[in-house]
Amino acid sequence: MFTSRNVNFKNGIGINTIFTFYILLPIIRGFCFMQNYLKVYRALHNITQADLAGRLGVSRANLSAIEKGHYDPSLRLAFRLANFFQVKIEDLFVYKEPDK
């Protein structure tokens, strides 16, 4: 279990923030095994991230993070995306086995 003190610098960035973004997130990203074709389906339907985000009620940044593989969507959002593009969820998101 990671523990740290909550120390804030003059710019408002704390030790916890630095730890999360520079140490913990790269480790977590290494454990993401989902591949997605969201960008491909957006291109096929000629829709921007902002338009899609507006239609689904999520942020454009959220969709960008999903497309880049930095974030796996909730099951509910994954189904909403698949329904929007009228495809099976397995066509939009694919699980990749980790290298051993």
N, C-alpha and C. Protein backbone atom coordinates (compact mmCIF):
# COMPACT_ATOMS: atom_id res chain seq x y z
N MET A 1 0.85 -1.18 0.00
CA MET A 1 0.00 0.00 0.00
C MET A 1 0.88 1.23 0.00
N PHE A 2 0.57 2.16 -0.88
CA PHE A 2 1.34 3.39 -0.97
C PHE A 2 0.78 4.43 0.00
N THR A 3 1.67 5.07 0.71
CA THR A 3 1.25 6.16 1.59
C THR A 3 2.19 7.33 1.36
N SER A 4 1.67 8.50 1.52
CA SER A 4 2.50 9.69 1.41
C SER A 4 1.82 10.81 2.17
N ARG A 5 2.58 11.83 2.47
CA ARG A 5 2.02 12.99 3.14
C ARG A 5 1.46 13.93 2.10
N ASN A 6 0.42 14.64 2.45
CA ASN A 6 -0.20 15.59 1.53
C ASN A 6 0.49 16.94 1.69
N VAL A 7 1.58 17.15 0.96
CA VAL A 7 2.34 18.39 1.00
C VAL A 7 2.04 19.17 -0.27
N ASN A 8 1.65 20.42 -0.15
CA ASN A 8 1.35 21.25 -1.30
C ASN A 8 2.44 22.27 -1.53
N PHE A 9 2.77 22.47 -2.81
CA PHE A 9 3.73 23.48 -3.19
C PHE A 9 3.00 24.79 -3.47
N LYS A 10 3.75 25.86 -3.77
CA LYS A 10 3.13 27.18 -4.00
C LYS A 10 2.14 27.15 -5.16
N ASN A 11 2.38 26.34 -6.19
CA ASN A 11 1.49 26.30 -7.35
C ASN A 11 0.27 25.41 -7.13
N GLY A 12 0.13 24.83 -5.95
CA GLY A 12 -1.03 24.02 -5.63
C GLY A 12 -0.89 22.55 -5.95
N ILE A 13 0.21 22.16 -6.58
CA ILE A 13 0.43 20.75 -6.90
C ILE A 13 1.00 20.07 -5.67
N GLY A 14 0.38 18.98 -5.28
CA GLY A 14 0.82 18.28 -4.09
C GLY A 14 1.65 17.05 -4.40
N ILE A 15 2.26 16.50 -3.38
CA ILE A 15 3.07 15.29 -3.51
C ILE A 15 2.21 14.15 -4.07
N ASN A 16 0.96 14.02 -3.60
CA ASN A 16 0.09 12.96 -4.10
C ASN A 16 -0.13 13.09 -5.60
N THR A 17 -0.30 14.31 -6.09
CA THR A 17 -0.49 14.54 -7.52
C THR A 17 0.74 14.13 -8.30
N ILE A 18 1.89 14.55 -7.84
CA ILE A 18 3.15 14.20 -8.52
C ILE A 18 3.35 12.69 -8.52
N PHE A 19 3.11 12.06 -7.39
CA PHE A 19 3.25 10.61 -7.28
C PHE A 19 2.32 9.91 -8.26
N THR A 20 1.07 10.36 -8.31
CA THR A 20 0.09 9.73 -9.19
C THR A 20 0.47 9.85 -10.65
N PHE A 21 0.81 11.05 -11.12
CA PHE A 21 1.04 11.27 -12.54
C PHE A 21 2.39 10.76 -13.04
N TYR A 22 3.42 10.79 -12.20
CA TYR A 22 4.74 10.42 -12.69
C TYR A 22 5.21 9.03 -12.28
N ILE A 23 4.57 8.45 -11.29
CA ILE A 23 4.99 7.12 -10.84
C ILE A 23 3.88 6.09 -11.02
N LEU A 24 2.71 6.37 -10.48
CA LEU A 24 1.63 5.38 -10.47
C LEU A 24 0.97 5.19 -11.83
N LEU A 25 0.66 6.26 -12.56
CA LEU A 25 -0.02 6.12 -13.85
C LEU A 25 0.77 5.33 -14.88
N PRO A 26 2.07 5.57 -15.04
CA PRO A 26 2.80 4.73 -16.00
C PRO A 26 2.77 3.25 -15.64
N ILE A 27 2.76 2.93 -14.37
CA ILE A 27 2.68 1.54 -13.94
C ILE A 27 1.31 0.98 -14.29
N ILE A 28 0.26 1.74 -13.99
CA ILE A 28 -1.10 1.30 -14.28
C ILE A 28 -1.31 1.12 -15.77
N ARG A 29 -0.82 2.06 -16.57
CA ARG A 29 -0.99 1.98 -18.02
C ARG A 29 -0.38 0.71 -18.58
N GLY A 30 0.65 0.21 -17.95
CA GLY A 30 1.27 -1.04 -18.40
C GLY A 30 0.36 -2.23 -18.20
N PHE A 31 -0.67 -2.09 -17.39
CA PHE A 31 -1.58 -3.20 -17.11
C PHE A 31 -2.89 -3.11 -17.88
N CYS A 32 -3.03 -2.14 -18.78
CA CYS A 32 -4.24 -2.01 -19.60
C CYS A 32 -4.14 -2.96 -20.78
N PHE A 33 -5.08 -3.86 -20.90
CA PHE A 33 -5.02 -4.88 -21.94
C PHE A 33 -6.14 -4.74 -22.95
N MET A 34 -6.85 -3.63 -22.92
CA MET A 34 -7.94 -3.43 -23.87
C MET A 34 -7.44 -2.64 -25.07
N GLN A 35 -7.81 -3.12 -26.24
CA GLN A 35 -7.56 -2.37 -27.47
C GLN A 35 -8.92 -1.94 -27.98
N ASN A 36 -9.00 -0.74 -28.55
CA ASN A 36 -10.30 -0.30 -29.06
C ASN A 36 -10.17 0.26 -30.46
N TYR A 37 -11.29 0.27 -31.15
CA TYR A 37 -11.37 0.77 -32.51
C TYR A 37 -12.30 1.98 -32.58
N LEU A 38 -12.35 2.72 -31.50
CA LEU A 38 -13.23 3.88 -31.43
C LEU A 38 -12.88 4.92 -32.49
N LYS A 39 -11.61 5.19 -32.67
CA LYS A 39 -11.19 6.19 -33.66
C LYS A 39 -11.56 5.75 -35.07
N VAL A 40 -11.45 4.47 -35.35
CA VAL A 40 -11.80 3.94 -36.67
C VAL A 40 -13.29 4.12 -36.93
N TYR A 41 -14.12 3.76 -35.96
CA TYR A 41 -15.56 3.89 -36.13
C TYR A 41 -15.99 5.36 -36.21
N ARG A 42 -15.30 6.23 -35.49
CA ARG A 42 -15.60 7.65 -35.60
C ARG A 42 -15.31 8.14 -37.02
N ALA A 43 -14.18 7.70 -37.57
CA ALA A 43 -13.81 8.11 -38.93
C ALA A 43 -14.80 7.56 -39.95
N LEU A 44 -15.24 6.32 -39.77
CA LEU A 44 -16.20 5.73 -40.69
C LEU A 44 -17.53 6.48 -40.69
N HIS A 45 -17.89 7.01 -39.53
CA HIS A 45 -19.16 7.74 -39.40
C HIS A 45 -18.96 9.25 -39.52
N ASN A 46 -17.73 9.67 -39.79
CA ASN A 46 -17.41 11.08 -40.00
C ASN A 46 -17.92 11.95 -38.85
N ILE A 47 -17.53 11.57 -37.62
CA ILE A 47 -17.97 12.30 -36.42
C ILE A 47 -16.75 12.64 -35.58
N THR A 48 -16.74 13.83 -35.04
CA THR A 48 -15.61 14.27 -34.22
C THR A 48 -15.78 13.77 -32.79
N GLN A 49 -14.68 13.86 -32.03
CA GLN A 49 -14.76 13.49 -30.62
C GLN A 49 -15.76 14.39 -29.90
N ALA A 50 -15.73 15.67 -30.21
CA ALA A 50 -16.64 16.62 -29.54
C ALA A 50 -18.10 16.30 -29.85
N ASP A 51 -18.40 15.97 -31.10
CA ASP A 51 -19.79 15.63 -31.47
C ASP A 51 -20.24 14.36 -30.76
N LEU A 52 -19.39 13.35 -30.78
CA LEU A 52 -19.73 12.08 -30.13
C LEU A 52 -19.90 12.27 -28.62
N ALA A 53 -18.99 13.04 -28.03
CA ALA A 53 -19.08 13.30 -26.59
C ALA A 53 -20.38 13.99 -26.25
N GLY A 54 -20.78 14.97 -27.06
CA GLY A 54 -22.03 15.67 -26.82
C GLY A 54 -23.24 14.77 -26.93
N ARG A 55 -23.23 13.87 -27.88
CA ARG A 55 -24.36 12.95 -28.06
C ARG A 55 -24.46 11.93 -26.93
N LEU A 56 -23.30 11.56 -26.36
CA LEU A 56 -23.30 10.56 -25.30
C LEU A 56 -23.30 11.16 -23.90
N GLY A 57 -23.08 12.46 -23.81
CA GLY A 57 -23.08 13.12 -22.51
C GLY A 57 -21.82 12.88 -21.70
N VAL A 58 -20.69 12.74 -22.39
CA VAL A 58 -19.40 12.58 -21.72
C VAL A 58 -18.47 13.68 -22.23
N SER A 59 -17.31 13.82 -21.63
CA SER A 59 -16.39 14.86 -22.07
C SER A 59 -15.57 14.37 -23.27
N ARG A 60 -15.11 15.33 -24.07
CA ARG A 60 -14.25 15.00 -25.20
C ARG A 60 -12.93 14.42 -24.70
N ALA A 61 -12.45 14.94 -23.58
CA ALA A 61 -11.21 14.44 -23.00
C ALA A 61 -11.34 12.96 -22.61
N ASN A 62 -12.51 12.58 -22.13
CA ASN A 62 -12.77 11.20 -21.77
C ASN A 62 -12.65 10.30 -22.99
N LEU A 63 -13.27 10.70 -24.11
CA LEU A 63 -13.19 9.92 -25.34
C LEU A 63 -11.76 9.85 -25.86
N SER A 64 -11.04 10.96 -25.76
CA SER A 64 -9.65 10.99 -26.19
C SER A 64 -8.80 9.99 -25.40
N ALA A 65 -9.01 9.97 -24.09
CA ALA A 65 -8.26 9.05 -23.24
C ALA A 65 -8.60 7.60 -23.57
N ILE A 66 -9.84 7.32 -23.89
CA ILE A 66 -10.24 5.96 -24.28
C ILE A 66 -9.57 5.57 -25.58
N GLU A 67 -9.61 6.47 -26.57
CA GLU A 67 -9.01 6.19 -27.87
C GLU A 67 -7.51 5.92 -27.75
N LYS A 68 -6.83 6.66 -26.88
CA LYS A 68 -5.38 6.51 -26.72
C LYS A 68 -5.01 5.30 -25.87
N GLY A 69 -6.01 4.67 -25.26
CA GLY A 69 -5.73 3.52 -24.41
C GLY A 69 -5.27 3.87 -23.02
N HIS A 70 -5.46 5.13 -22.61
CA HIS A 70 -5.08 5.56 -21.27
C HIS A 70 -6.16 5.25 -20.25
N TYR A 71 -7.34 4.92 -20.75
CA TYR A 71 -8.49 4.73 -19.88
C TYR A 71 -9.43 3.72 -20.52
N ASP A 72 -9.89 2.77 -19.75
CA ASP A 72 -10.91 1.83 -20.24
C ASP A 72 -12.27 2.34 -19.77
N PRO A 73 -13.24 2.40 -20.68
CA PRO A 73 -14.54 2.95 -20.30
C PRO A 73 -15.29 2.01 -19.36
N SER A 74 -16.26 2.58 -18.68
CA SER A 74 -17.13 1.74 -17.86
C SER A 74 -17.90 0.83 -18.80
N LEU A 75 -18.45 -0.22 -18.26
CA LEU A 75 -19.23 -1.15 -19.08
C LEU A 75 -20.43 -0.43 -19.70
N ARG A 76 -21.05 0.43 -18.92
CA ARG A 76 -22.21 1.19 -19.42
C ARG A 76 -21.82 2.07 -20.62
N LEU A 77 -20.70 2.78 -20.51
CA LEU A 77 -20.25 3.65 -21.61
C LEU A 77 -19.83 2.81 -22.81
N ALA A 78 -19.20 1.68 -22.59
CA ALA A 78 -18.81 0.80 -23.69
C ALA A 78 -20.03 0.34 -24.47
N PHE A 79 -21.10 -0.03 -23.77
CA PHE A 79 -22.33 -0.44 -24.45
C PHE A 79 -22.98 0.73 -25.19
N ARG A 80 -22.95 1.91 -24.58
CA ARG A 80 -23.52 3.08 -25.24
C ARG A 80 -22.76 3.41 -26.52
N LEU A 81 -21.43 3.28 -26.49
CA LEU A 81 -20.63 3.51 -27.70
C LEU A 81 -20.95 2.48 -28.77
N ALA A 82 -21.02 1.23 -28.38
CA ALA A 82 -21.34 0.16 -29.33
C ALA A 82 -22.73 0.37 -29.93
N ASN A 83 -23.70 0.74 -29.11
CA ASN A 83 -25.05 1.00 -29.60
C ASN A 83 -25.08 2.18 -30.55
N PHE A 84 -24.30 3.21 -30.24
CA PHE A 84 -24.26 4.39 -31.11
C PHE A 84 -23.79 4.01 -32.52
N PHE A 85 -22.74 3.20 -32.59
CA PHE A 85 -22.18 2.80 -33.89
C PHE A 85 -22.89 1.58 -34.47
N GLN A 86 -23.85 1.04 -33.74
CA GLN A 86 -24.63 -0.13 -34.16
C GLN A 86 -23.73 -1.33 -34.48
N VAL A 87 -22.82 -1.60 -33.54
CA VAL A 87 -21.93 -2.76 -33.63
C VAL A 87 -21.96 -3.50 -32.31
N LYS A 88 -21.44 -4.71 -32.31
CA LYS A 88 -21.30 -5.45 -31.05
C LYS A 88 -20.16 -4.84 -30.26
N ILE A 89 -20.27 -4.94 -28.96
CA ILE A 89 -19.23 -4.38 -28.10
C ILE A 89 -17.87 -5.03 -28.39
N GLU A 90 -17.89 -6.30 -28.81
CA GLU A 90 -16.66 -7.02 -29.12
C GLU A 90 -16.00 -6.48 -30.39
N ASP A 91 -16.76 -5.82 -31.25
CA ASP A 91 -16.19 -5.21 -32.45
C ASP A 91 -15.48 -3.91 -32.13
N LEU A 92 -15.90 -3.25 -31.07
CA LEU A 92 -15.35 -1.95 -30.69
C LEU A 92 -14.20 -2.08 -29.69
N PHE A 93 -14.31 -3.05 -28.79
CA PHE A 93 -13.30 -3.25 -27.76
C PHE A 93 -12.82 -4.70 -27.78
N VAL A 94 -11.50 -4.87 -27.76
CA VAL A 94 -10.91 -6.20 -27.84
C VAL A 94 -9.93 -6.36 -26.68
N TYR A 95 -10.05 -7.46 -25.96
CA TYR A 95 -9.13 -7.77 -24.87
C TYR A 95 -7.88 -8.41 -25.44
N LYS A 96 -6.74 -7.90 -25.05
CA LYS A 96 -5.45 -8.46 -25.46
C LYS A 96 -4.77 -9.10 -24.26
N GLU A 97 -4.36 -10.35 -24.42
CA GLU A 97 -3.64 -11.04 -23.35
C GLU A 97 -2.30 -10.34 -23.10
N PRO A 98 -1.93 -10.19 -21.85
CA PRO A 98 -0.63 -9.57 -21.55
C PRO A 98 0.51 -10.50 -21.96
N ASP A 99 1.64 -9.88 -22.31
CA ASP A 99 2.83 -10.67 -22.62
C ASP A 99 3.35 -11.31 -21.37
N LYS A 100 3.78 -12.56 -21.51
CA LYS A 100 4.26 -13.28 -20.33
C LYS A 100 5.76 -13.39 -20.33
